[in-house]
N, C-alpha and C. Protein backbone atom coordinates (compact mmCIF):
# COMPACT_ATOMS: atom_id res chain seq x y z
N MET A 1 60.60 100.15 68.98
CA MET A 1 60.32 100.60 70.32
C MET A 1 61.61 101.04 71.01
N GLY A 2 61.55 102.16 71.65
CA GLY A 2 62.71 102.66 72.38
C GLY A 2 62.31 103.11 73.76
N ALA A 3 63.29 103.32 74.57
CA ALA A 3 63.02 103.80 75.93
C ALA A 3 62.57 105.24 75.86
N THR A 4 61.53 105.56 76.56
CA THR A 4 61.00 106.93 76.52
C THR A 4 61.84 107.90 77.34
N ASN A 5 62.61 107.40 78.28
CA ASN A 5 63.43 108.27 79.11
C ASN A 5 64.91 108.17 78.78
N ALA A 6 65.23 107.70 77.60
CA ALA A 6 66.64 107.57 77.19
C ALA A 6 67.26 108.95 77.07
N PRO A 7 68.50 109.12 77.56
CA PRO A 7 69.15 110.44 77.46
C PRO A 7 69.51 110.77 76.02
N GLU A 8 69.58 112.03 75.75
CA GLU A 8 70.04 112.47 74.43
C GLU A 8 71.50 112.07 74.26
N LEU A 9 71.92 111.84 73.03
CA LEU A 9 73.29 111.41 72.77
C LEU A 9 74.31 112.42 73.28
N LYS A 10 73.97 113.69 73.26
CA LYS A 10 74.91 114.71 73.70
C LYS A 10 74.56 115.27 75.07
N ASP A 11 73.76 114.52 75.81
CA ASP A 11 73.38 114.93 77.16
C ASP A 11 74.63 115.06 78.01
N GLU A 12 74.78 116.19 78.72
CA GLU A 12 75.99 116.46 79.51
C GLU A 12 76.25 115.40 80.57
N GLY A 13 75.21 114.97 81.27
CA GLY A 13 75.37 113.94 82.29
C GLY A 13 75.84 112.62 81.70
N ARG A 14 75.29 112.27 80.55
CA ARG A 14 75.69 111.03 79.87
C ARG A 14 77.15 111.10 79.45
N LEU A 15 77.55 112.22 78.87
CA LEU A 15 78.93 112.37 78.43
C LEU A 15 79.91 112.35 79.60
N LYS A 16 79.52 112.95 80.73
CA LYS A 16 80.37 112.92 81.93
C LYS A 16 80.49 111.50 82.46
N ALA A 17 79.39 110.74 82.43
CA ALA A 17 79.42 109.35 82.90
C ALA A 17 80.34 108.50 82.03
N ILE A 18 80.25 108.67 80.72
CA ILE A 18 81.12 107.93 79.80
C ILE A 18 82.58 108.27 80.05
N LYS A 19 82.86 109.55 80.22
CA LYS A 19 84.24 109.98 80.49
C LYS A 19 84.74 109.39 81.80
N SER A 20 83.91 109.40 82.82
CA SER A 20 84.28 108.88 84.13
C SER A 20 84.59 107.38 84.06
N VAL A 21 83.76 106.63 83.37
CA VAL A 21 83.99 105.19 83.23
C VAL A 21 85.27 104.93 82.44
N ASN A 22 85.49 105.67 81.39
CA ASN A 22 86.72 105.51 80.61
C ASN A 22 87.96 105.81 81.45
N GLU A 23 87.89 106.85 82.27
CA GLU A 23 89.02 107.20 83.14
C GLU A 23 89.26 106.11 84.17
N LEU A 24 88.19 105.57 84.74
CA LEU A 24 88.32 104.49 85.71
C LEU A 24 88.96 103.27 85.07
N PHE A 25 88.48 102.90 83.91
CA PHE A 25 89.01 101.72 83.20
C PHE A 25 90.48 101.92 82.84
N ASN A 26 90.81 103.05 82.26
CA ASN A 26 92.20 103.31 81.87
C ASN A 26 93.12 103.39 83.08
N GLY A 27 92.65 104.00 84.16
CA GLY A 27 93.44 104.05 85.39
C GLY A 27 93.67 102.68 85.97
N PHE A 28 92.66 101.83 85.90
CA PHE A 28 92.78 100.46 86.39
C PHE A 28 93.86 99.72 85.60
N ILE A 29 93.82 99.85 84.30
CA ILE A 29 94.83 99.19 83.46
C ILE A 29 96.22 99.75 83.75
N ASN A 30 96.32 101.06 83.91
CA ASN A 30 97.63 101.66 84.22
C ASN A 30 98.18 101.14 85.54
N ARG A 31 97.31 100.93 86.50
CA ARG A 31 97.77 100.49 87.82
C ARG A 31 98.01 98.99 87.91
N PHE A 32 97.11 98.19 87.30
CA PHE A 32 97.17 96.74 87.46
C PHE A 32 97.58 95.98 86.20
N ALA A 33 97.69 96.68 85.08
CA ALA A 33 98.15 96.14 83.80
C ALA A 33 97.17 95.18 83.11
N GLU A 34 96.16 94.75 83.79
CA GLU A 34 95.21 93.77 83.25
C GLU A 34 93.80 94.06 83.76
N THR A 35 92.82 93.47 83.08
CA THR A 35 91.45 93.49 83.59
C THR A 35 90.88 92.08 83.67
N ASP A 36 91.63 91.12 83.22
CA ASP A 36 91.20 89.73 83.21
C ASP A 36 91.51 89.07 84.56
N CYS A 37 90.51 88.44 85.17
CA CYS A 37 90.68 87.84 86.50
C CYS A 37 91.78 86.78 86.54
N THR A 38 91.89 85.99 85.49
CA THR A 38 92.93 84.96 85.47
C THR A 38 94.31 85.61 85.50
N ALA A 39 94.50 86.64 84.72
CA ALA A 39 95.79 87.34 84.70
C ALA A 39 96.04 88.07 86.01
N LEU A 40 95.02 88.65 86.60
CA LEU A 40 95.17 89.42 87.84
C LEU A 40 95.46 88.54 89.05
N THR A 41 94.88 87.35 89.08
CA THR A 41 95.01 86.48 90.26
C THR A 41 95.97 85.32 90.06
N GLY A 42 96.26 85.00 88.80
CA GLY A 42 97.10 83.83 88.53
C GLY A 42 96.33 82.53 88.69
N CYS A 43 95.01 82.62 88.74
CA CYS A 43 94.16 81.44 88.90
C CYS A 43 93.36 81.17 87.64
N ASP A 44 93.36 79.94 87.21
CA ASP A 44 92.53 79.51 86.10
C ASP A 44 91.19 79.08 86.70
N TRP A 45 90.17 79.88 86.50
CA TRP A 45 88.88 79.68 87.16
C TRP A 45 88.12 78.47 86.65
N SER A 46 88.63 77.83 85.60
CA SER A 46 87.99 76.61 85.11
C SER A 46 88.56 75.37 85.80
N LYS A 47 89.58 75.57 86.66
CA LYS A 47 90.22 74.46 87.36
C LYS A 47 89.88 74.52 88.85
N LYS A 48 89.29 73.43 89.35
CA LYS A 48 88.90 73.38 90.77
C LYS A 48 90.09 73.59 91.69
N GLU A 49 91.25 73.06 91.31
CA GLU A 49 92.41 73.21 92.19
C GLU A 49 92.85 74.67 92.29
N ASP A 50 92.70 75.45 91.22
CA ASP A 50 93.04 76.87 91.28
C ASP A 50 92.04 77.63 92.15
N ILE A 51 90.78 77.26 92.07
CA ILE A 51 89.75 77.90 92.90
C ILE A 51 90.03 77.61 94.38
N LYS A 52 90.35 76.37 94.68
CA LYS A 52 90.69 76.01 96.06
C LYS A 52 91.93 76.77 96.53
N ARG A 53 92.94 76.85 95.68
CA ARG A 53 94.17 77.57 96.02
C ARG A 53 93.89 79.05 96.28
N TYR A 54 93.01 79.63 95.47
CA TYR A 54 92.63 81.03 95.62
C TYR A 54 92.15 81.32 97.04
N PHE A 55 91.30 80.43 97.55
CA PHE A 55 90.76 80.63 98.89
C PHE A 55 91.74 80.18 99.97
N LYS A 56 92.38 79.05 99.78
CA LYS A 56 93.30 78.53 100.79
C LYS A 56 94.47 79.49 101.02
N GLU A 57 95.03 80.01 99.93
CA GLU A 57 96.18 80.92 100.04
C GLU A 57 95.76 82.38 100.21
N GLU A 58 94.45 82.61 100.24
CA GLU A 58 93.88 83.95 100.39
C GLU A 58 94.47 84.93 99.36
N ILE A 59 94.54 84.47 98.14
CA ILE A 59 95.09 85.27 97.05
C ILE A 59 94.33 86.58 96.90
N TYR A 60 93.05 86.56 97.17
CA TYR A 60 92.20 87.74 97.03
C TYR A 60 92.68 88.93 97.88
N LYS A 61 93.37 88.66 98.97
CA LYS A 61 93.82 89.76 99.84
C LYS A 61 94.83 90.67 99.15
N ASP A 62 95.67 90.09 98.32
CA ASP A 62 96.68 90.90 97.63
C ASP A 62 96.29 91.24 96.19
N THR A 63 95.16 90.74 95.75
CA THR A 63 94.73 91.02 94.37
C THR A 63 93.38 91.71 94.38
N CYS A 64 92.34 90.95 94.51
CA CYS A 64 90.97 91.48 94.39
C CYS A 64 90.68 92.61 95.37
N PHE A 65 91.13 92.46 96.62
CA PHE A 65 90.89 93.52 97.60
C PHE A 65 91.54 94.82 97.16
N ARG A 66 92.77 94.76 96.67
CA ARG A 66 93.49 95.97 96.21
C ARG A 66 92.77 96.60 95.03
N GLN A 67 92.30 95.77 94.13
CA GLN A 67 91.60 96.28 92.95
C GLN A 67 90.26 96.89 93.33
N PHE A 68 89.56 96.25 94.23
CA PHE A 68 88.29 96.78 94.71
C PHE A 68 88.50 98.12 95.42
N GLU A 69 89.51 98.19 96.27
CA GLU A 69 89.83 99.44 96.97
C GLU A 69 90.10 100.56 95.96
N TYR A 70 90.85 100.24 94.92
CA TYR A 70 91.16 101.23 93.89
C TYR A 70 89.87 101.77 93.27
N VAL A 71 88.98 100.87 92.88
CA VAL A 71 87.74 101.28 92.22
C VAL A 71 86.88 102.13 93.17
N VAL A 72 86.75 101.70 94.41
CA VAL A 72 85.94 102.45 95.38
C VAL A 72 86.54 103.83 95.62
N GLU A 73 87.87 103.91 95.81
CA GLU A 73 88.51 105.21 96.02
C GLU A 73 88.28 106.14 94.84
N LYS A 74 88.40 105.62 93.63
CA LYS A 74 88.19 106.44 92.43
C LYS A 74 86.74 106.91 92.35
N CYS A 75 85.81 106.03 92.66
CA CYS A 75 84.39 106.41 92.60
C CYS A 75 84.06 107.46 93.65
N ILE A 76 84.61 107.30 94.85
CA ILE A 76 84.37 108.29 95.91
C ILE A 76 84.99 109.64 95.52
N ALA A 77 86.20 109.60 94.98
CA ALA A 77 86.86 110.84 94.56
C ALA A 77 86.06 111.51 93.44
N ASP A 78 85.56 110.71 92.51
CA ASP A 78 84.78 111.25 91.41
C ASP A 78 83.48 111.85 91.92
N LYS A 79 82.83 111.17 92.84
CA LYS A 79 81.58 111.67 93.43
C LYS A 79 81.84 112.96 94.20
N SER A 80 82.96 113.00 94.93
CA SER A 80 83.31 114.20 95.69
C SER A 80 83.54 115.38 94.76
N SER A 81 84.23 115.15 93.65
CA SER A 81 84.50 116.26 92.73
C SER A 81 83.22 116.74 92.06
N VAL A 82 82.29 115.85 91.81
CA VAL A 82 80.99 116.25 91.23
C VAL A 82 80.23 117.08 92.25
N ASN A 83 80.21 116.63 93.49
CA ASN A 83 79.49 117.38 94.53
C ASN A 83 80.13 118.74 94.78
N GLU A 84 81.46 118.81 94.76
CA GLU A 84 82.14 120.09 94.96
C GLU A 84 81.81 121.07 93.84
N SER A 85 81.73 120.55 92.62
CA SER A 85 81.43 121.43 91.49
C SER A 85 79.98 121.95 91.57
N LYS A 86 79.13 121.20 92.28
CA LYS A 86 77.74 121.62 92.46
C LYS A 86 77.56 122.41 93.74
N GLY A 87 78.63 122.49 94.55
CA GLY A 87 78.56 123.22 95.81
C GLY A 87 77.91 122.44 96.92
N ALA A 88 77.80 121.11 96.75
CA ALA A 88 77.16 120.27 97.77
C ALA A 88 78.17 119.89 98.84
N VAL A 89 77.64 119.57 100.00
CA VAL A 89 78.47 119.09 101.11
C VAL A 89 78.23 117.59 101.23
N ILE A 90 79.33 116.85 101.36
CA ILE A 90 79.20 115.38 101.46
C ILE A 90 79.01 114.97 102.89
């Protein structure tokens, strides 16, 4: 059994999506050097004291927020370039 609406392997939209995700991932690594939360935040998420420190010291402000901003900016830029190529107005 397979999905009846699955895209073709060489579907242009599918290939563009794969390329976009790969570019986002590679750009993230180039900018932040890691994708692992422990490495990015310096917190061992299996330790309660690290979780408490994460919130008490607001570590997320200089780590997770920056990474989230990066991803959102890239997605907006990618969406804008797709719309521009289609002649759409955002």
